[in-house]
Amino acid sequence: MMNKKERHSILEKIVQEHLVHTQEELQGYLHEYGLKTTQATLSRDLRELKITKMRDEYGKSRYLKLSTETTGDAQARLFSALKTVTKSVDTVEFLVIIHTSPSYGNFLAAALDDLRHTPPTDILGTIAGHDTVVAVCESSDQATTVANFLNEHLRLL
């Protein structure tokens, strides 16, 4: 039985060496290594490894590993992502709604997740779509604080 660390290593290798477009394809490659995983485990592993579905340099949607930075670089990564892909930031109750360029929802959500428990971007978690990120906060006041922080950095960049 392979442990989580070995499974993660194999997942990273597969994504680096193959053009993987679906989780089913990824599960097929894992099967070649003798690994059977559930969709839930695979999704969790992909999130932990910061492997997300994005468009590559040819415009094709595939799984790619986001670059890894130290925690100290997480805020710089967020600001870079904000400057590059964010179109608008709004709040609805305790939610922060961030609209991005097409295909960049997962990228920005990963950047926000890196700062999940770091004030003033203290959020509980994110949900990413094609061009939208929903950041969940503890209260509407916190959502306003987070939105103001993000909007302030959009103006400064």
Protein backbone atom coordinates (compact mmCIF):
# COMPACT_ATOMS: atom_id res chain seq x y z
CA MET A 1 0.00 0.00 0.00
CA MET A 2 1.45 3.33 -1.05
CA ASN A 3 1.46 6.18 1.45
CA LYS A 4 0.25 9.72 0.81
CA LYS A 5 3.74 11.13 0.24
CA GLU A 6 4.51 8.53 -2.44
CA ARG A 7 1.10 9.09 -4.07
CA HIS A 8 1.73 12.85 -4.15
CA SER A 9 5.14 12.29 -5.73
CA ILE A 10 3.60 10.13 -8.46
CA LEU A 11 0.83 12.68 -9.10
CA GLU A 12 3.37 15.48 -9.54
CA LYS A 13 5.39 13.30 -11.91
CA ILE A 14 2.33 12.41 -14.01
CA VAL A 15 1.23 16.05 -14.34
CA GLN A 16 4.76 17.11 -15.26
CA GLU A 17 5.29 14.37 -17.86
CA HIS A 18 1.83 14.03 -19.45
CA LEU A 19 -0.86 16.28 -20.87
CA VAL A 20 -3.70 15.42 -18.50
CA HIS A 21 -7.08 16.95 -19.34
CA THR A 22 -9.46 15.14 -16.97
CA GLN A 23 -9.46 13.46 -13.58
CA GLU A 24 -10.42 10.23 -15.35
CA GLU A 25 -7.20 10.42 -17.40
CA LEU A 26 -5.26 11.12 -14.22
CA GLN A 27 -6.83 8.11 -12.52
CA GLY A 28 -5.82 6.02 -15.55
CA TYR A 29 -2.19 7.07 -15.18
CA LEU A 30 -2.35 6.36 -11.45
CA HIS A 31 -3.74 2.91 -12.24
CA GLU A 32 -0.63 2.27 -14.38
CA TYR A 33 1.39 2.83 -11.19
CA GLY A 34 -0.84 0.35 -9.37
CA LEU A 35 -2.80 3.04 -7.54
CA LYS A 36 -6.56 3.16 -7.24
CA THR A 37 -7.99 6.32 -5.72
CA THR A 38 -11.45 7.71 -5.23
CA GLN A 39 -12.42 10.96 -6.92
CA ALA A 40 -12.59 12.62 -3.49
CA THR A 41 -9.04 11.54 -2.59
CA LEU A 42 -7.75 12.63 -5.98
CA SER A 43 -9.42 16.05 -5.68
CA ARG A 44 -7.97 16.51 -2.18
CA ASP A 45 -4.50 15.48 -3.36
CA LEU A 46 -4.66 17.88 -6.31
CA ARG A 47 -5.63 20.75 -4.03
CA GLU A 48 -2.89 19.97 -1.49
CA LEU A 49 -0.31 19.81 -4.29
CA LYS A 50 -1.62 23.02 -5.89
CA ILE A 51 -2.33 21.17 -9.12
CA THR A 52 -5.20 22.84 -10.91
CA LYS A 53 -6.86 22.79 -14.30
CA MET A 54 -5.69 25.78 -16.31
CA ARG A 55 -5.05 26.72 -19.89
CA ASP A 56 -1.51 26.03 -21.02
CA GLU A 57 0.54 28.16 -23.40
CA TYR A 58 -1.40 26.66 -26.33
CA GLY A 59 -4.81 27.52 -24.91
CA LYS A 60 -5.65 23.89 -24.04
CA SER A 61 -7.21 23.14 -20.66
CA ARG A 62 -5.05 20.72 -18.66
CA TYR A 63 -3.80 20.03 -15.16
CA LEU A 64 -0.79 22.15 -14.19
CA LYS A 65 1.13 22.53 -10.96
CA LEU A 66 1.11 26.07 -9.67
CA SER A 67 4.56 27.31 -8.78
CA THR A 68 5.45 26.79 -5.16
CA GLU A 69 6.67 29.63 -3.05
CA THR A 70 7.47 30.00 0.58
CA THR A 71 4.82 31.38 2.92
CA GLY A 72 6.66 34.71 2.85
CA ASP A 73 6.07 34.91 -0.89
CA ALA A 74 2.37 34.10 -0.64
CA GLN A 75 1.32 37.73 -0.31
CA ALA A 76 3.49 38.75 -3.27
CA ARG A 77 1.90 35.94 -5.29
CA LEU A 78 -1.58 37.15 -4.33
CA PHE A 79 -0.80 40.73 -5.37
CA SER A 80 0.69 39.55 -8.65
CA ALA A 81 -2.41 37.44 -9.31
CA LEU A 82 -4.69 40.35 -8.41
CA LYS A 83 -2.91 42.67 -10.79
CA THR A 84 -2.89 40.16 -13.60
CA VAL A 85 -6.32 38.53 -13.56
CA THR A 86 -8.82 40.36 -11.32
CA LYS A 87 -11.67 42.27 -12.93
CA SER A 88 -13.80 43.16 -9.88
CA VAL A 89 -14.21 42.55 -6.15
CA ASP A 90 -17.63 42.76 -4.44
CA THR A 91 -19.25 41.52 -1.24
CA VAL A 92 -22.53 39.77 -0.52
CA GLU A 93 -23.10 39.32 3.20
CA PHE A 94 -20.14 37.25 4.47
CA LEU A 95 -18.88 36.40 0.96
CA VAL A 96 -16.30 38.17 -1.20
CA ILE A 97 -17.02 37.69 -4.90
CA ILE A 98 -14.00 38.12 -7.16
CA HIS A 99 -14.39 38.08 -10.94
CA THR A 100 -11.29 37.11 -12.91
CA SER A 101 -10.19 36.73 -16.48
CA PRO A 102 -11.49 33.49 -18.02
CA SER A 103 -9.78 30.32 -16.72
CA TYR A 104 -8.09 32.02 -13.75
CA GLY A 105 -10.56 31.33 -10.95
CA ASN A 106 -8.55 28.37 -9.61
CA PHE A 107 -5.28 30.27 -9.83
CA LEU A 108 -6.55 33.20 -7.77
CA ALA A 109 -8.32 30.91 -5.29
CA ALA A 110 -5.03 29.06 -4.68
CA ALA A 111 -3.29 32.38 -4.05
CA LEU A 112 -6.00 33.40 -1.57
CA ASP A 113 -5.87 30.00 0.14
CA ASP A 114 -2.15 30.49 0.78
CA LEU A 115 -3.13 33.44 2.98
CA ARG A 116 -6.23 31.81 4.45
CA HIS A 117 -5.58 32.67 8.11
CA THR A 118 -3.47 35.80 7.62
CA PRO A 119 -5.10 39.14 8.52
CA PRO A 120 -6.42 41.18 6.82
CA THR A 121 -7.12 38.43 4.26
CA ASP A 122 -8.43 36.18 7.02
CA ILE A 123 -10.87 33.99 5.11
CA LEU A 124 -12.31 30.58 5.92
CA GLY A 125 -11.84 29.20 2.41
CA THR A 126 -12.53 29.67 -1.28
CA ILE A 127 -14.64 28.15 -4.02
CA ALA A 128 -13.32 28.63 -7.54
CA GLY A 129 -15.06 28.60 -10.87
CA HIS A 130 -14.00 29.36 -14.42
CA ASP A 131 -13.81 33.12 -13.90
CA THR A 132 -15.13 33.66 -10.38
CA VAL A 133 -13.83 33.08 -6.86
CA VAL A 134 -16.05 33.09 -3.79
CA ALA A 135 -14.11 33.72 -0.58
CA VAL A 136 -16.03 32.79 2.57
CA CYS A 137 -15.49 35.00 5.63
CA GLU A 138 -16.70 34.71 9.23
CA SER A 139 -18.87 37.83 9.03
CA SER A 140 -20.03 40.56 6.68
CA ASP A 141 -17.64 42.96 8.44
CA GLN A 142 -14.71 40.64 7.70
CA ALA A 143 -15.86 40.27 4.09
CA THR A 144 -15.87 44.07 3.75
CA THR A 145 -12.37 44.24 5.27
CA VAL A 146 -11.07 41.60 2.85
CA ALA A 147 -12.74 43.27 -0.16
CA ASN A 148 -11.34 46.68 0.81
CA PHE A 149 -7.87 45.17 1.22
CA LEU A 150 -8.04 43.52 -2.21
CA ASN A 151 -9.47 46.63 -3.91
CA GLU A 152 -6.79 48.81 -2.29
CA HIS A 153 -4.05 46.62 -3.71
CA LEU A 154 -5.70 46.57 -7.13
CA ARG A 155 -5.54 50.38 -7.22
CA LEU A 156 -1.94 50.49 -6.04
CA LEU A 157 -0.63 48.01 -8.59
